[in-house]
C-alpha atoms as a PDB file:
ATOM      1  CA  MET A   1       7.703   7.672  43.979  1.00  0.00           C
ATOM      2  CA  MET A   2       4.184   7.338  42.490  1.00  0.00           C
ATOM      3  CA  LYS A   3       5.034   9.786  39.767  1.00  0.00           C
ATOM      4  CA  LEU A   4       8.077   7.607  38.847  1.00  0.00           C
ATOM      5  CA  PHE A   5       5.784   4.594  38.552  1.00  0.00           C
ATOM      6  CA  SER A   6       3.193   6.503  36.590  1.00  0.00           C
ATOM      7  CA  GLY A   7       5.790   7.748  34.047  1.00  0.00           C
ATOM      8  CA  ILE A   8       7.193   4.209  33.627  1.00  0.00           C
ATOM      9  CA  PHE A   9       3.584   2.781  33.040  1.00  0.00           C
ATOM     10  CA  LEU A  10       2.863   5.541  30.514  1.00  0.00           C
ATOM     11  CA  LEU A  11       6.074   4.802  28.557  1.00  0.00           C
ATOM     12  CA  LEU A  12       5.409   1.120  28.658  1.00  0.00           C
ATOM     13  CA  PHE A  13       1.848   1.636  27.659  1.00  0.00           C
ATOM     14  CA  PHE A  14       2.866   3.687  24.566  1.00  0.00           C
ATOM     15  CA  PHE A  15       5.627   1.133  23.534  1.00  0.00           C
ATOM     16  CA  SER A  16       3.217  -1.781  24.047  1.00  0.00           C
ATOM     17  CA  THR A  17       0.512  -0.400  21.779  1.00  0.00           C
ATOM     18  CA  GLY A  18       2.963  -0.070  18.805  1.00  0.00           C
ATOM     19  CA  LEU A  19       2.262   3.561  18.137  1.00  0.00           C
ATOM     20  CA  THR A  20       3.847   4.406  14.712  1.00  0.00           C
ATOM     21  CA  ALA A  21       3.455   7.619  12.629  1.00  0.00           C
ATOM     22  CA  GLN A  22       0.624   6.945  10.003  1.00  0.00           C
ATOM     23  CA  THR A  23       2.224   8.061   6.645  1.00  0.00           C
ATOM     24  CA  LYS A  24      -0.785   8.932   4.482  1.00  0.00           C
ATOM     25  CA  LEU A  25      -1.074   7.708   0.862  1.00  0.00           C
ATOM     26  CA  ARG A  26      -1.076  10.842  -1.178  1.00  0.00           C
ATOM     27  CA  THR A  27      -3.766  11.474  -3.583  1.00  0.00           C
ATOM     28  CA  GLY A  28      -3.151  11.934  -7.122  1.00  0.00           C
ATOM     29  CA  TRP A  29      -1.618  10.110 -10.206  1.00  0.00           C
ATOM     30  CA  TYR A  30       1.100   7.378  -9.941  1.00  0.00           C
ATOM     31  CA  ARG A  31       2.778   5.529 -12.788  1.00  0.00           C
ATOM     32  CA  ALA A  32       3.091   1.961 -11.930  1.00  0.00           C
ATOM     33  CA  SER A  33       5.751  -0.479 -13.089  1.00  0.00           C
ATOM     34  CA  VAL A  34       5.640  -4.234 -12.430  1.00  0.00           C
ATOM     35  CA  THR A  35       9.028  -5.772 -13.279  1.00  0.00           C
ATOM     36  CA  ARG A  36       8.509  -9.395 -14.960  1.00  0.00           C
ATOM     37  CA  PRO A  37      11.026 -11.995 -14.443  1.00  0.00           C
ATOM     38  CA  ASP A  38      12.444 -11.274 -17.855  1.00  0.00           C
ATOM     39  CA  ASP A  39      13.025  -7.789 -16.725  1.00  0.00           C
ATOM     40  CA  ALA A  40      10.133  -6.360 -19.084  1.00  0.00           C
ATOM     41  CA  ARG A  41       8.016  -3.804 -17.346  1.00  0.00           C
ATOM     42  CA  LEU A  42       4.151  -3.828 -17.274  1.00  0.00           C
ATOM     43  CA  ILE A  43       3.440  -0.017 -16.906  1.00  0.00           C
ATOM     44  CA  PHE A  44      -0.016   1.429 -16.115  1.00  0.00           C
ATOM     45  CA  ASN A  45      -1.449   4.426 -14.393  1.00  0.00           C
ATOM     46  CA  ILE A  46      -3.049   4.600 -10.960  1.00  0.00           C
ATOM     47  CA  GLU A  47      -5.291   7.648  -9.743  1.00  0.00           C
ATOM     48  CA  VAL A  48      -5.583   7.693  -6.008  1.00  0.00           C
ATOM     49  CA  THR A  49      -8.407   9.615  -4.485  1.00  0.00           C
ATOM     50  CA  GLU A  50     -10.998   9.790  -1.548  1.00  0.00           C
ATOM     51  CA  LYS A  51     -14.677   9.016  -1.678  1.00  0.00           C
ATOM     52  CA  ASN A  52     -16.852   9.311   1.372  1.00  0.00           C
ATOM     53  CA  LYS A  53     -13.635   9.899   3.481  1.00  0.00           C
ATOM     54  CA  LYS A  54     -12.405   6.440   2.162  1.00  0.00           C
ATOM     55  CA  THR A  55      -9.226   5.944  -0.009  1.00  0.00           C
ATOM     56  CA  ILE A  56      -9.991   4.343  -3.395  1.00  0.00           C
ATOM     57  CA  LEU A  57      -8.089   4.101  -6.538  1.00  0.00           C
ATOM     58  CA  TYR A  58      -8.585   3.547 -10.227  1.00  0.00           C
ATOM     59  CA  ILE A  59      -6.254   1.549 -12.455  1.00  0.00           C
ATOM     60  CA  ARG A  60      -6.050   3.144 -15.846  1.00  0.00           C
ATOM     61  CA  ASN A  61      -4.939   1.455 -18.972  1.00  0.00           C
ATOM     62  CA  GLY A  62      -5.882   3.231 -22.045  1.00  0.00           C
ATOM     63  CA  ALA A  63      -9.634   3.906 -21.791  1.00  0.00           C
ATOM     64  CA  GLU A  64     -10.185   1.288 -19.001  1.00  0.00           C
ATOM     65  CA  ARG A  65     -10.859   2.611 -15.520  1.00  0.00           C
ATOM     66  CA  LEU A  66     -10.995  -0.109 -13.037  1.00  0.00           C
ATOM     67  CA  LEU A  67     -12.107   0.628  -9.447  1.00  0.00           C
ATOM     68  CA  VAL A  68     -10.218  -0.770  -6.475  1.00  0.00           C
ATOM     69  CA  ASP A  69     -11.639   0.045  -2.993  1.00  0.00           C
ATOM     70  CA  ASP A  70     -10.161  -2.674  -0.661  1.00  0.00           C
ATOM     71  CA  ILE A  71      -7.188  -0.401   0.581  1.00  0.00           C
ATOM     72  CA  LYS A  72      -5.611  -0.651   4.095  1.00  0.00           C
ATOM     73  CA  GLN A  73      -2.734   1.163   5.670  1.00  0.00           C
ATOM     74  CA  LYS A  74      -0.940   0.524   8.718  1.00  0.00           C
ATOM     75  CA  GLY A  75       2.007   2.877   9.379  1.00  0.00           C
ATOM     76  CA  ASP A  76       4.020   3.326   6.142  1.00  0.00           C
ATOM     77  CA  SER A  77       2.605  -0.103   4.752  1.00  0.00           C
ATOM     78  CA  VAL A  78      -0.258  -0.105   2.168  1.00  0.00           C
ATOM     79  CA  PHE A  79      -2.219  -3.285   1.254  1.00  0.00           C
ATOM     80  CA  ILE A  80      -4.302  -3.212  -1.836  1.00  0.00           C
ATOM     81  CA  GLU A  81      -6.579  -6.229  -2.577  1.00  0.00           C
ATOM     82  CA  MET A  82      -7.548  -6.280  -6.211  1.00  0.00           C
ATOM     83  CA  PRO A  83     -11.093  -7.163  -7.180  1.00  0.00           C
ATOM     84  CA  PHE A  84      -9.697  -8.844 -10.311  1.00  0.00           C
ATOM     85  CA  PHE A  85      -6.680 -10.828 -11.450  1.00  0.00           C
ATOM     86  CA  GLU A  86      -6.613 -12.750  -8.259  1.00  0.00           C
ATOM     87  CA  SER A  87      -3.833 -10.475  -7.017  1.00  0.00           C
ATOM     88  CA  SER A  88      -2.909  -7.760  -4.525  1.00  0.00           C
ATOM     89  CA  PHE A  89      -0.085  -5.246  -3.766  1.00  0.00           C
ATOM     90  CA  LYS A  90       1.879  -5.037  -0.591  1.00  0.00           C
ATOM     91  CA  LEU A  91       3.668  -1.635  -0.515  1.00  0.00           C
ATOM     92  CA  LYS A  92       5.654   0.620   1.617  1.00  0.00           C
ATOM     93  CA  VAL A  93       5.420   4.474   1.436  1.00  0.00           C
ATOM     94  CA  GLN A  94       8.805   5.939   0.757  1.00  0.00           C
ATOM     95  CA  PRO A  95       9.986   9.406   1.931  1.00  0.00           C
ATOM     96  CA  ASP A  96       9.481  10.715  -1.546  1.00  0.00           C
ATOM     97  CA  GLN A  97       5.694   9.572  -1.356  1.00  0.00           C
ATOM     98  CA  SER A  98       6.444   6.897  -3.973  1.00  0.00           C
ATOM     99  CA  LEU A  99       5.614   3.426  -3.230  1.00  0.00           C
ATOM    100  CA  THR A 100       7.667   0.246  -3.409  1.00  0.00           C
ATOM    101  CA  GLY A 101       6.856  -3.351  -2.859  1.00  0.00           C
ATOM    102  CA  LYS A 102       5.432  -6.408  -4.371  1.00  0.00           C
ATOM    103  CA  TRP A 103       2.657  -7.404  -6.712  1.00  0.00           C
ATOM    104  CA  ILE A 104       1.412 -10.895  -5.602  1.00  0.00           C
ATOM    105  CA  LYS A 105      -0.898 -13.183  -7.705  1.00  0.00           C
ATOM    106  CA  GLY A 106      -2.042 -16.446  -6.527  1.00  0.00           C
ATOM    107  CA  THR A 107      -3.932 -19.074  -8.524  1.00  0.00           C
ATOM    108  CA  SER A 108      -4.701 -22.639  -7.882  1.00  0.00           C
ATOM    109  CA  THR A 109      -1.660 -23.647 -10.067  1.00  0.00           C
ATOM    110  CA  LYS A 110       1.094 -20.845  -9.544  1.00  0.00           C
ATOM    111  CA  TYR A 111       2.089 -18.192  -7.060  1.00  0.00           C
ATOM    112  CA  LEU A 112       3.865 -15.041  -8.477  1.00  0.00           C
ATOM    113  CA  GLU A 113       5.445 -12.087  -6.342  1.00  0.00           C
ATOM    114  CA  LEU A 114       6.975  -9.372  -8.664  1.00  0.00           C
ATOM    115  CA  PRO A 115       8.770  -6.119  -7.629  1.00  0.00           C
ATOM    116  CA  VAL A 116       6.629  -3.124  -8.247  1.00  0.00           C
ATOM    117  CA  VAL A 117       7.146   0.773  -7.960  1.00  0.00           C
ATOM    118  CA  PHE A 118       4.458   3.400  -7.926  1.00  0.00           C
ATOM    119  CA  GLN A 119       5.932   6.950  -8.711  1.00  0.00           C
END
């Protein structure tokens, strides 16, 4: 009887802690595409790397190389806070390691949420 209660307790503990498989954001290059309301696309490159055991990325646009180091992951979700443009990305890691989600830009006068894909 004690083994049964112990087993049930362990199952409840694992389910209550919300254990999910962490899908690691792959390092390397992504081609990002933000789709504007007029269906035009803003294309730029992103380099994901690690520095001191922390995931960071660089947004590349021509000769520009902009550092982004506020990246959080929870399960298959990736949250990127941009230190510029008053914006962020809310993404989901796909089975093929691409990322899909939203680019969110908030200002005092306007709030935009546009679809984005990192491939």
